[in-house]
C-alpha atoms as a PDB file:
ATOM      1  CA  MET A   1      84.521  82.011  95.625  1.00  0.00           C
ATOM      2  CA  LYS A   2      85.748  83.800  99.587  1.00  0.00           C
ATOM      3  CA  LEU A   3      83.299  87.183 100.341  1.00  0.00           C
ATOM      4  CA  GLY A   4      85.482  89.148 102.415  1.00  0.00           C
ATOM      5  CA  LEU A   5      85.701  92.766 103.574  1.00  0.00           C
ATOM      6  CA  SER A   6      88.716  95.382 103.285  1.00  0.00           C
ATOM      7  CA  SER A   7      89.908  97.381 106.710  1.00  0.00           C
ATOM      8  CA  TYR A   8      89.217 100.242 104.862  1.00  0.00           C
ATOM      9  CA  SER A   9      85.451  99.786 105.126  1.00  0.00           C
ATOM     10  CA  LEU A  10      85.568 100.168 108.441  1.00  0.00           C
ATOM     11  CA  HIS A  11      88.617 102.395 108.748  1.00  0.00           C
ATOM     12  CA  ARG A  12      86.089 105.208 110.378  1.00  0.00           C
ATOM     13  CA  ASP A  13      85.422 103.533 113.164  1.00  0.00           C
ATOM     14  CA  ILE A  14      89.047 102.547 113.649  1.00  0.00           C
ATOM     15  CA  ALA A  15      90.462 105.695 113.542  1.00  0.00           C
ATOM     16  CA  SER A  16      87.790 106.615 115.905  1.00  0.00           C
ATOM     17  CA  GLY A  17      88.987 103.461 118.645  1.00  0.00           C
ATOM     18  CA  LYS A  18      85.602 102.904 118.342  1.00  0.00           C
ATOM     19  CA  LEU A  19      87.048  99.578 116.482  1.00  0.00           C
ATOM     20  CA  SER A  20      90.315  98.052 116.544  1.00  0.00           C
ATOM     21  CA  ILE A  21      91.771  96.470 114.101  1.00  0.00           C
ATOM     22  CA  LEU A  22      92.099  93.051 116.088  1.00  0.00           C
ATOM     23  CA  ASP A  23      88.369  93.825 116.467  1.00  0.00           C
ATOM     24  CA  ALA A  24      87.623  93.557 112.786  1.00  0.00           C
ATOM     25  CA  PRO A  25      88.491  90.151 112.269  1.00  0.00           C
ATOM     26  CA  ARG A  26      86.489  88.819 114.236  1.00  0.00           C
ATOM     27  CA  TRP A  27      83.571  90.995 113.670  1.00  0.00           C
ATOM     28  CA  ILE A  28      83.424  90.372 109.390  1.00  0.00           C
ATOM     29  CA  LYS A  29      83.352  86.693 110.631  1.00  0.00           C
ATOM     30  CA  GLU A  30      80.389  87.680 112.669  1.00  0.00           C
ATOM     31  CA  GLN A  31      79.135  88.709 109.150  1.00  0.00           C
ATOM     32  CA  GLY A  32      79.937  86.215 108.008  1.00  0.00           C
ATOM     33  CA  GLY A  33      82.683  87.005 105.630  1.00  0.00           C
ATOM     34  CA  GLU A  34      84.993  84.808 104.975  1.00  0.00           C
ATOM     35  CA  HIS A  35      88.475  87.273 104.641  1.00  0.00           C
ATOM     36  CA  ILE A  36      89.832  90.189 106.211  1.00  0.00           C
ATOM     37  CA  GLU A  37      92.002  92.469 104.143  1.00  0.00           C
ATOM     38  CA  ILE A  38      94.399  94.708 105.834  1.00  0.00           C
ATOM     39  CA  VAL A  39      95.126  98.388 104.652  1.00  0.00           C
ATOM     40  CA  PRO A  40      96.956 100.609 107.375  1.00  0.00           C
ATOM     41  CA  ILE A  41      94.527 103.293 107.590  1.00  0.00           C
ATOM     42  CA  SER A  42      94.288 104.430 111.492  1.00  0.00           C
ATOM     43  CA  PHE A  43      97.498 102.381 112.177  1.00  0.00           C
ATOM     44  CA  ASN A  44     101.226 101.485 110.209  1.00  0.00           C
ATOM     45  CA  LEU A  45     102.834  98.184 110.204  1.00  0.00           C
ATOM     46  CA  ILE A  46     106.277  99.823 109.885  1.00  0.00           C
ATOM     47  CA  GLU A  47     106.155 101.442 112.424  1.00  0.00           C
ATOM     48  CA  ARG A  48     104.383  99.207 114.683  1.00  0.00           C
ATOM     49  CA  PRO A  49     105.558  95.423 113.898  1.00  0.00           C
ATOM     50  CA  GLU A  50     104.686  93.828 116.797  1.00  0.00           C
ATOM     51  CA  LEU A  51     100.899  94.769 115.058  1.00  0.00           C
ATOM     52  CA  ILE A  52     101.609  92.846 112.029  1.00  0.00           C
ATOM     53  CA  ASP A  53     101.422  88.927 114.133  1.00  0.00           C
ATOM     54  CA  ASP A  54      98.388  90.574 116.237  1.00  0.00           C
ATOM     55  CA  ILE A  55      96.599  90.443 113.260  1.00  0.00           C
ATOM     56  CA  ARG A  56      97.179  87.688 111.958  1.00  0.00           C
ATOM     57  CA  ARG A  57      96.209  85.974 115.691  1.00  0.00           C
ATOM     58  CA  ALA A  58      93.310  87.269 115.885  1.00  0.00           C
ATOM     59  CA  ALA A  59      92.421  86.185 112.143  1.00  0.00           C
ATOM     60  CA  ASP A  60      93.585  82.573 113.162  1.00  0.00           C
ATOM     61  CA  ASP A  61      91.633  82.379 116.309  1.00  0.00           C
ATOM     62  CA  ALA A  62      88.290  84.382 113.854  1.00  0.00           C
ATOM     63  CA  GLY A  63      89.081  81.800 111.717  1.00  0.00           C
ATOM     64  CA  ILE A  64      88.996  83.725 108.559  1.00  0.00           C
ATOM     65  CA  ASP A  65      91.817  84.547 106.276  1.00  0.00           C
ATOM     66  CA  ILE A  66      94.115  87.450 105.395  1.00  0.00           C
ATOM     67  CA  SER A  67      93.439  87.618 101.305  1.00  0.00           C
ATOM     68  CA  ASN A  68      95.575  90.650 100.690  1.00  0.00           C
ATOM     69  CA  TYR A  69      97.871  93.427 101.977  1.00  0.00           C
ATOM     70  CA  ALA A  70      96.842  96.692 100.458  1.00  0.00           C
ATOM     71  CA  VAL A  71      99.403  99.966 100.911  1.00  0.00           C
ATOM     72  CA  GLY A  72      99.767 103.295  98.109  1.00  0.00           C
ATOM     73  CA  ALA A  73     103.057 104.280  96.149  1.00  0.00           C
ATOM     74  CA  ASN A  74     103.054 106.502  93.653  1.00  0.00           C
ATOM     75  CA  PHE A  75     106.295 106.210  91.716  1.00  0.00           C
ATOM     76  CA  ALA A  76     105.695 109.311  88.929  1.00  0.00           C
ATOM     77  CA  VAL A  77     108.000 111.748  90.280  1.00  0.00           C
ATOM     78  CA  GLU A  78     110.993 113.295  89.336  1.00  0.00           C
ATOM     79  CA  ASP A  79     112.864 113.462  91.947  1.00  0.00           C
ATOM     80  CA  GLU A  80     115.473 110.467  91.559  1.00  0.00           C
ATOM     81  CA  ALA A  81     116.092 109.942  95.402  1.00  0.00           C
ATOM     82  CA  ALA A  82     112.946 110.153  96.085  1.00  0.00           C
ATOM     83  CA  TYR A  83     111.524 107.842  93.126  1.00  0.00           C
ATOM     84  CA  ARG A  84     114.038 105.028  94.604  1.00  0.00           C
ATOM     85  CA  ARG A  85     112.750 106.111  98.446  1.00  0.00           C
ATOM     86  CA  THR A  86     109.434 105.172  97.171  1.00  0.00           C
ATOM     87  CA  ILE A  87     110.776 101.344  95.648  1.00  0.00           C
ATOM     88  CA  GLU A  88     112.674 100.564  99.035  1.00  0.00           C
ATOM     89  CA  GLU A  89     109.536 101.403 101.443  1.00  0.00           C
ATOM     90  CA  THR A  90     107.571  99.516  98.941  1.00  0.00           C
ATOM     91  CA  LYS A  91     109.382  96.605  98.885  1.00  0.00           C
ATOM     92  CA  ALA A  92     109.817  97.298 103.087  1.00  0.00           C
ATOM     93  CA  HIS A  93     106.257  96.731 103.024  1.00  0.00           C
ATOM     94  CA  VAL A  94     106.474  93.529 100.546  1.00  0.00           C
ATOM     95  CA  ASP A  95     108.352  91.980 103.997  1.00  0.00           C
ATOM     96  CA  VAL A  96     105.156  92.740 106.237  1.00  0.00           C
ATOM     97  CA  ALA A  97     103.042  91.083 103.533  1.00  0.00           C
ATOM     98  CA  HIS A  98     104.810  88.418 103.756  1.00  0.00           C
ATOM     99  CA  ARG A  99     105.033  87.998 108.071  1.00  0.00           C
ATOM    100  CA  LEU A 100     101.552  88.304 107.313  1.00  0.00           C
ATOM    101  CA  GLY A 101     100.844  85.523 105.457  1.00  0.00           C
ATOM    102  CA  VAL A 102      99.380  86.475 102.350  1.00  0.00           C
ATOM    103  CA  LYS A 103     100.328  85.883  99.093  1.00  0.00           C
ATOM    104  CA  ARG A 104      98.783  88.996  97.305  1.00  0.00           C
ATOM    105  CA  MET A 105     100.013  93.225  98.045  1.00  0.00           C
ATOM    106  CA  ARG A 106      98.321  95.451  95.658  1.00  0.00           C
ATOM    107  CA  HIS A 107     100.767  98.938  95.879  1.00  0.00           C
ATOM    108  CA  ASP A 108      99.703 101.904  94.191  1.00  0.00           C
ATOM    109  CA  VAL A 109     101.751 103.068  91.326  1.00  0.00           C
ATOM    110  CA  ALA A 110     101.339 106.315  89.868  1.00  0.00           C
ATOM    111  CA  SER A 111      98.494 109.548  90.242  1.00  0.00           C
ATOM    112  CA  ARG A 112      98.438 113.182  88.624  1.00  0.00           C
ATOM    113  CA  PRO A 113      95.478 114.982  89.080  1.00  0.00           C
ATOM    114  CA  PRO A 114      93.514 114.857  86.322  1.00  0.00           C
ATOM    115  CA  ALA A 115      94.498 117.564  84.379  1.00  0.00           C
ATOM    116  CA  GLU A 116      98.149 116.503  84.109  1.00  0.00           C
ATOM    117  CA  ALA A 117      96.755 112.917  83.309  1.00  0.00           C
ATOM    118  CA  THR A 118      96.783 112.413  79.561  1.00  0.00           C
ATOM    119  CA  ILE A 119      98.036 109.564  77.343  1.00  0.00           C
ATOM    120  CA  GLN A 120     101.346 111.357  76.540  1.00  0.00           C
ATOM    121  CA  ARG A 121     102.184 112.228  80.201  1.00  0.00           C
ATOM    122  CA  PHE A 122     100.821 108.403  81.317  1.00  0.00           C
ATOM    123  CA  GLU A 123     103.397 107.241  78.281  1.00  0.00           C
ATOM    124  CA  ALA A 124     106.265 109.498  79.258  1.00  0.00           C
ATOM    125  CA  ASP A 125     106.070 108.067  82.905  1.00  0.00           C
ATOM    126  CA  LEU A 126     105.217 104.720  81.457  1.00  0.00           C
ATOM    127  CA  PRO A 127     109.369 103.575  81.374  1.00  0.00           C
ATOM    128  CA  LYS A 128     109.917 104.307  85.235  1.00  0.00           C
ATOM    129  CA  LEU A 129     106.819 102.631  86.186  1.00  0.00           C
ATOM    130  CA  VAL A 130     107.439  99.721  84.762  1.00  0.00           C
ATOM    131  CA  GLU A 131     110.873  99.823  86.571  1.00  0.00           C
ATOM    132  CA  ALA A 132     109.436 100.445  89.404  1.00  0.00           C
ATOM    133  CA  CYS A 133     106.978  97.556  89.120  1.00  0.00           C
ATOM    134  CA  ARG A 134     109.167  94.531  88.392  1.00  0.00           C
ATOM    135  CA  GLU A 135     111.658  95.391  91.013  1.00  0.00           C
ATOM    136  CA  VAL A 136     108.749  95.538  92.952  1.00  0.00           C
ATOM    137  CA  ALA A 137     107.444  92.140  91.958  1.00  0.00           C
ATOM    138  CA  ASP A 138     110.583  90.958  92.020  1.00  0.00           C
ATOM    139  CA  TYR A 139     111.044  91.513  95.249  1.00  0.00           C
ATOM    140  CA  ALA A 140     108.038  89.591  96.060  1.00  0.00           C
ATOM    141  CA  ALA A 141     108.893  86.780  93.648  1.00  0.00           C
ATOM    142  CA  GLN A 142     111.306  84.950  96.734  1.00  0.00           C
ATOM    143  CA  TYR A 143     107.366  85.013  99.005  1.00  0.00           C
ATOM    144  CA  GLY A 144     105.362  83.540  96.007  1.00  0.00           C
ATOM    145  CA  ILE A 145     103.396  87.233  96.468  1.00  0.00           C
ATOM    146  CA  THR A 146     101.643  88.220  93.630  1.00  0.00           C
ATOM    147  CA  THR A 147     102.085  92.258  93.297  1.00  0.00           C
ATOM    148  CA  SER A 148      99.043  94.178  92.059  1.00  0.00           C
ATOM    149  CA  VAL A 149      98.323  97.501  90.544  1.00  0.00           C
ATOM    150  CA  GLU A 150      94.228  98.741  91.455  1.00  0.00           C
ATOM    151  CA  ASN A 151      92.659 100.805  88.834  1.00  0.00           C
ATOM    152  CA  HIS A 152      93.108 104.124  91.009  1.00  0.00           C
ATOM    153  CA  GLY A 153      94.492 107.437  91.752  1.00  0.00           C
ATOM    154  CA  TYR A 154      92.860 108.734  87.755  1.00  0.00           C
ATOM    155  CA  TYR A 155      96.122 107.942  86.137  1.00  0.00           C
ATOM    156  CA  ILE A 156      96.156 104.622  85.847  1.00  0.00           C
ATOM    157  CA  GLN A 157      91.991 104.180  86.136  1.00  0.00           C
ATOM    158  CA  ALA A 158      91.050 103.469  82.831  1.00  0.00           C
ATOM    159  CA  SER A 159      90.775  99.564  81.556  1.00  0.00           C
ATOM    160  CA  ASP A 160      93.265 100.077  78.735  1.00  0.00           C
ATOM    161  CA  ARG A 161      96.418 101.933  81.105  1.00  0.00           C
ATOM    162  CA  VAL A 162      95.616  99.126  83.491  1.00  0.00           C
ATOM    163  CA  GLN A 163      96.709  96.626  80.596  1.00  0.00           C
ATOM    164  CA  ARG A 164      99.908  98.489  79.185  1.00  0.00           C
ATOM    165  CA  LEU A 165     101.264  98.419  82.233  1.00  0.00           C
ATOM    166  CA  VAL A 166     100.263  95.388  83.229  1.00  0.00           C
ATOM    167  CA  SER A 167     101.929  94.007  79.719  1.00  0.00           C
ATOM    168  CA  ALA A 168     104.826  96.648  79.640  1.00  0.00           C
ATOM    169  CA  VAL A 169     106.019  94.812  83.004  1.00  0.00           C
ATOM    170  CA  ASP A 170     105.783  91.255  81.941  1.00  0.00           C
ATOM    171  CA  ARG A 171     106.057  89.290  84.917  1.00  0.00           C
ATOM    172  CA  PRO A 172     103.800  86.893  85.620  1.00  0.00           C
ATOM    173  CA  ASN A 173     103.610  87.273  89.424  1.00  0.00           C
ATOM    174  CA  PHE A 174     102.580  91.824  88.845  1.00  0.00           C
ATOM    175  CA  ARG A 175      98.248  91.428  87.930  1.00  0.00           C
ATOM    176  CA  THR A 176      95.848  94.513  88.731  1.00  0.00           C
ATOM    177  CA  THR A 177      93.139  94.538  91.586  1.00  0.00           C
ATOM    178  CA  LEU A 178      90.464  94.759  89.825  1.00  0.00           C
ATOM    179  CA  ASP A 179      88.056  97.232  91.611  1.00  0.00           C
ATOM    180  CA  VAL A 180      84.875  97.202  89.664  1.00  0.00           C
ATOM    181  CA  GLY A 181      83.648 100.894  90.986  1.00  0.00           C
ATOM    182  CA  ASN A 182      86.758 102.844  89.830  1.00  0.00           C
ATOM    183  CA  PHE A 183      86.221 102.800  87.159  1.00  0.00           C
ATOM    184  CA  MET A 184      83.882 105.157  86.910  1.00  0.00           C
ATOM    185  CA  CYS A 185      86.141 107.835  88.626  1.00  0.00           C
ATOM    186  CA  ALA A 186      87.725 107.885  84.671  1.00  0.00           C
ATOM    187  CA  ASP A 187      84.134 107.929  83.624  1.00  0.00           C
ATOM    188  CA  GLU A 188      84.557 104.356  81.777  1.00  0.00           C
ATOM    189  CA  ASN A 189      80.952 102.119  81.403  1.00  0.00           C
ATOM    190  CA  PRO A 190      82.349  99.245  84.225  1.00  0.00           C
ATOM    191  CA  LEU A 191      81.030  96.435  83.581  1.00  0.00           C
ATOM    192  CA  MET A 192      82.061  97.078  80.178  1.00  0.00           C
ATOM    193  CA  ALA A 193      85.923  97.432  82.036  1.00  0.00           C
ATOM    194  CA  VAL A 194      85.306  94.858  84.065  1.00  0.00           C
ATOM    195  CA  LYS A 195      84.842  92.330  81.134  1.00  0.00           C
ATOM    196  CA  LYS A 196      88.119  93.450  79.505  1.00  0.00           C
ATOM    197  CA  ASN A 197      90.575  93.677  82.652  1.00  0.00           C
ATOM    198  CA  LEU A 198      89.187  90.032  84.338  1.00  0.00           C
ATOM    199  CA  GLY A 199      91.635  87.922  82.809  1.00  0.00           C
ATOM    200  CA  ILE A 200      94.750  89.836  84.149  1.00  0.00           C
ATOM    201  CA  ALA A 201      92.827  90.378  88.162  1.00  0.00           C
ATOM    202  CA  SER A 202      94.763  88.233  90.734  1.00  0.00           C
ATOM    203  CA  MET A 203      92.206  90.388  93.173  1.00  0.00           C
ATOM    204  CA  VAL A 204      88.505  91.751  92.979  1.00  0.00           C
ATOM    205  CA  HIS A 205      87.382  95.236  95.001  1.00  0.00           C
ATOM    206  CA  LEU A 206      83.939  95.492  94.693  1.00  0.00           C
ATOM    207  CA  LYS A 207      82.204  98.687  95.548  1.00  0.00           C
ATOM    208  CA  ASP A 208      78.900 101.058  94.648  1.00  0.00           C
ATOM    209  CA  PHE A 209      78.458 104.265  93.877  1.00  0.00           C
ATOM    210  CA  TYR A 210      75.926 106.864  93.090  1.00  0.00           C
ATOM    211  CA  LEU A 211      76.322 109.160  89.620  1.00  0.00           C
ATOM    212  CA  ARG A 212      75.133 112.444  88.884  1.00  0.00           C
ATOM    213  CA  PRO A 213      75.801 114.625  86.373  1.00  0.00           C
ATOM    214  CA  ALA A 214      78.026 117.255  86.193  1.00  0.00           C
ATOM    215  CA  SER A 215      74.815 119.476  85.847  1.00  0.00           C
ATOM    216  CA  SER A 216      74.049 118.143  89.430  1.00  0.00           C
ATOM    217  CA  ALA A 217      76.907 120.471  91.303  1.00  0.00           C
ATOM    218  CA  PHE A 218      76.974 118.634  94.851  1.00  0.00           C
ATOM    219  CA  GLY A 219      78.891 119.595  97.955  1.00  0.00           C
ATOM    220  CA  GLU A 220      80.248 118.064 100.724  1.00  0.00           C
ATOM    221  CA  GLY A 221      80.113 114.050 100.223  1.00  0.00           C
ATOM    222  CA  TRP A 222      80.480 113.748  96.750  1.00  0.00           C
ATOM    223  CA  PHE A 223      83.527 113.763  94.525  1.00  0.00           C
ATOM    224  CA  ARG A 224      84.503 114.587  91.074  1.00  0.00           C
ATOM    225  CA  THR A 225      84.669 112.113  88.113  1.00  0.00           C
ATOM    226  CA  ALA A 226      87.978 113.335  85.594  1.00  0.00           C
ATOM    227  CA  GLY A 227      85.462 114.127  83.337  1.00  0.00           C
ATOM    228  CA  GLY A 228      83.300 116.476  86.118  1.00  0.00           C
ATOM    229  CA  ASP A 229      80.509 114.469  86.729  1.00  0.00           C
ATOM    230  CA  TYR A 230      79.707 113.592  90.312  1.00  0.00           C
ATOM    231  CA  LEU A 231      80.564 110.627  92.598  1.00  0.00           C
ATOM    232  CA  ARG A 232      79.068 109.301  96.264  1.00  0.00           C
ATOM    233  CA  GLY A 233      79.588 106.003  98.003  1.00  0.00           C
ATOM    234  CA  ALA A 234      77.039 104.298  98.365  1.00  0.00           C
ATOM    235  CA  ILE A 235      76.591 100.293 100.780  1.00  0.00           C
ATOM    236  CA  ALA A 236      76.870  98.009  98.180  1.00  0.00           C
ATOM    237  CA  GLY A 237      73.432  97.433  95.408  1.00  0.00           C
ATOM    238  CA  HIS A 238      72.178 100.359  96.413  1.00  0.00           C
ATOM    239  CA  GLY A 239      74.386 102.847  94.201  1.00  0.00           C
ATOM    240  CA  ASP A 240      74.685 102.717  89.953  1.00  0.00           C
ATOM    241  CA  VAL A 241      77.317 100.376  90.108  1.00  0.00           C
ATOM    242  CA  PRO A 242      75.829  97.292  87.864  1.00  0.00           C
ATOM    243  CA  LEU A 243      76.608  94.863  90.263  1.00  0.00           C
ATOM    244  CA  GLU A 244      73.804  92.031  89.483  1.00  0.00           C
ATOM    245  CA  ALA A 245      76.062  91.827  86.121  1.00  0.00           C
ATOM    246  CA  ILE A 246      79.099  92.585  87.140  1.00  0.00           C
ATOM    247  CA  LEU A 247      78.867  89.437  89.658  1.00  0.00           C
ATOM    248  CA  SER A 248      77.450  87.460  87.443  1.00  0.00           C
ATOM    249  CA  VAL A 249      80.457  88.595  84.352  1.00  0.00           C
ATOM    250  CA  ILE A 250      82.747  87.872  87.653  1.00  0.00           C
ATOM    251  CA  LYS A 251      80.573  84.134  88.445  1.00  0.00           C
ATOM    252  CA  ALA A 252      80.632  82.543  84.586  1.00  0.00           C
ATOM    253  CA  SER A 253      84.534  83.304  84.058  1.00  0.00           C
ATOM    254  CA  GLY A 254      84.841  80.787  86.686  1.00  0.00           C
ATOM    255  CA  TYR A 255      86.954  83.350  89.080  1.00  0.00           C
ATOM    256  CA  ASP A 256      86.813  81.356  92.707  1.00  0.00           C
ATOM    257  CA  GLY A 257      89.261  84.136  94.205  1.00  0.00           C
ATOM    258  CA  TYR A 258      88.899  86.421  97.029  1.00  0.00           C
ATOM    259  CA  ILE A 259      86.256  89.137  96.971  1.00  0.00           C
ATOM    260  CA  SER A 260      86.711  92.197  98.861  1.00  0.00           C
ATOM    261  CA  LEU A 261      84.600  94.803  99.534  1.00  0.00           C
ATOM    262  CA  GLU A 262      85.173  98.278 100.394  1.00  0.00           C
ATOM    263  CA  PHE A 263      82.590 100.582 101.924  1.00  0.00           C
ATOM    264  CA  GLU A 264      83.202 104.178 101.481  1.00  0.00           C
ATOM    265  CA  GLY A 265      79.432 105.878 101.702  1.00  0.00           C
ATOM    266  CA  LEU A 266      77.864 108.225 104.304  1.00  0.00           C
ATOM    267  CA  GLU A 267      76.072 106.314 106.737  1.00  0.00           C
ATOM    268  CA  ASP A 268      77.878 104.185 109.599  1.00  0.00           C
ATOM    269  CA  CYS A 269      80.712 102.373 108.654  1.00  0.00           C
ATOM    270  CA  GLN A 270      79.623  98.667 109.685  1.00  0.00           C
ATOM    271  CA  LEU A 271      76.109  99.343 109.053  1.00  0.00           C
ATOM    272  CA  GLY A 272      77.412  99.838 105.374  1.00  0.00           C
ATOM    273  CA  SER A 273      79.651  97.092 105.536  1.00  0.00           C
ATOM    274  CA  ARG A 274      77.267  94.672 106.979  1.00  0.00           C
ATOM    275  CA  LEU A 275      74.274  95.655 104.033  1.00  0.00           C
ATOM    276  CA  GLY A 276      76.552  95.756 101.444  1.00  0.00           C
ATOM    277  CA  LEU A 277      78.092  92.161 102.139  1.00  0.00           C
ATOM    278  CA  GLU A 278      74.510  90.954 102.866  1.00  0.00           C
ATOM    279  CA  ARG A 279      73.515  92.193  99.447  1.00  0.00           C
ATOM    280  CA  VAL A 280      76.476  90.940  97.954  1.00  0.00           C
ATOM    281  CA  ARG A 281      76.441  87.947  98.858  1.00  0.00           C
ATOM    282  CA  THR A 282      72.390  88.034  97.340  1.00  0.00           C
ATOM    283  CA  LEU A 283      73.582  89.036  94.476  1.00  0.00           C
ATOM    284  CA  TRP A 284      76.297  86.327  94.242  1.00  0.00           C
ATOM    285  CA  GLU A 285      73.978  82.726  95.094  1.00  0.00           C
ATOM    286  CA  ARG A 286      71.200  84.943  92.075  1.00  0.00           C
ATOM    287  CA  VAL A 287      73.661  85.125  89.105  1.00  0.00           C
END
């Protein structure tokens, strides 16, 4: 197992200019991280391709891997031109992933607000989602890249829907980026969901949330689950995701790939990321 950090964890400091994406690999190495996951928020590798080689050099200089490249996409669109455009844009990101030297790329697949994210709508959309994911995966295969869907965006967030999509796409290089905390957004028990989907994971994301019931009526900093409860990002190990039990399951499975910490709490992002990495390392050694 190699523990590292998603650049998403540091995006507030990257956006403010306090930290550059080129500083991030060295910063992660200093915290004991072994890899960086590149999430292009506050920078764009399509518009600034010269930055791709700079990131590779920065990671090489720091002595850490670039584990994954994670981008957005939404294939659940009615307009055929928009659908084709999204597929081609996602394939362009595959080219970026290849130039970064990674063998894993997560792309989002579809998102709908909770009121529209019914199982009937999902089944109706599924053929187009499968077609898009197959085309992108087949394109990525020339580079030896495994593409993946994350349990993300309400619509394809529950473990069964992720399994349904991965099974229907039916490509050996299309799997899931398994985010252990995101299942809570769909009101699913994260430990049980991890057990269900770990076997189809190409990569693991660790994150933590505080969970409070809908009656709490929290405001700023909190967001709603599909069922109306409240979540807020937490430093890993401080919240309500059963990380120790989850890490025990992951370790017992023999998983030996990348584990990427995503911090999205209200605390200073460098502090939250550093403390989270320390806590995850301690838990991994304990289980």
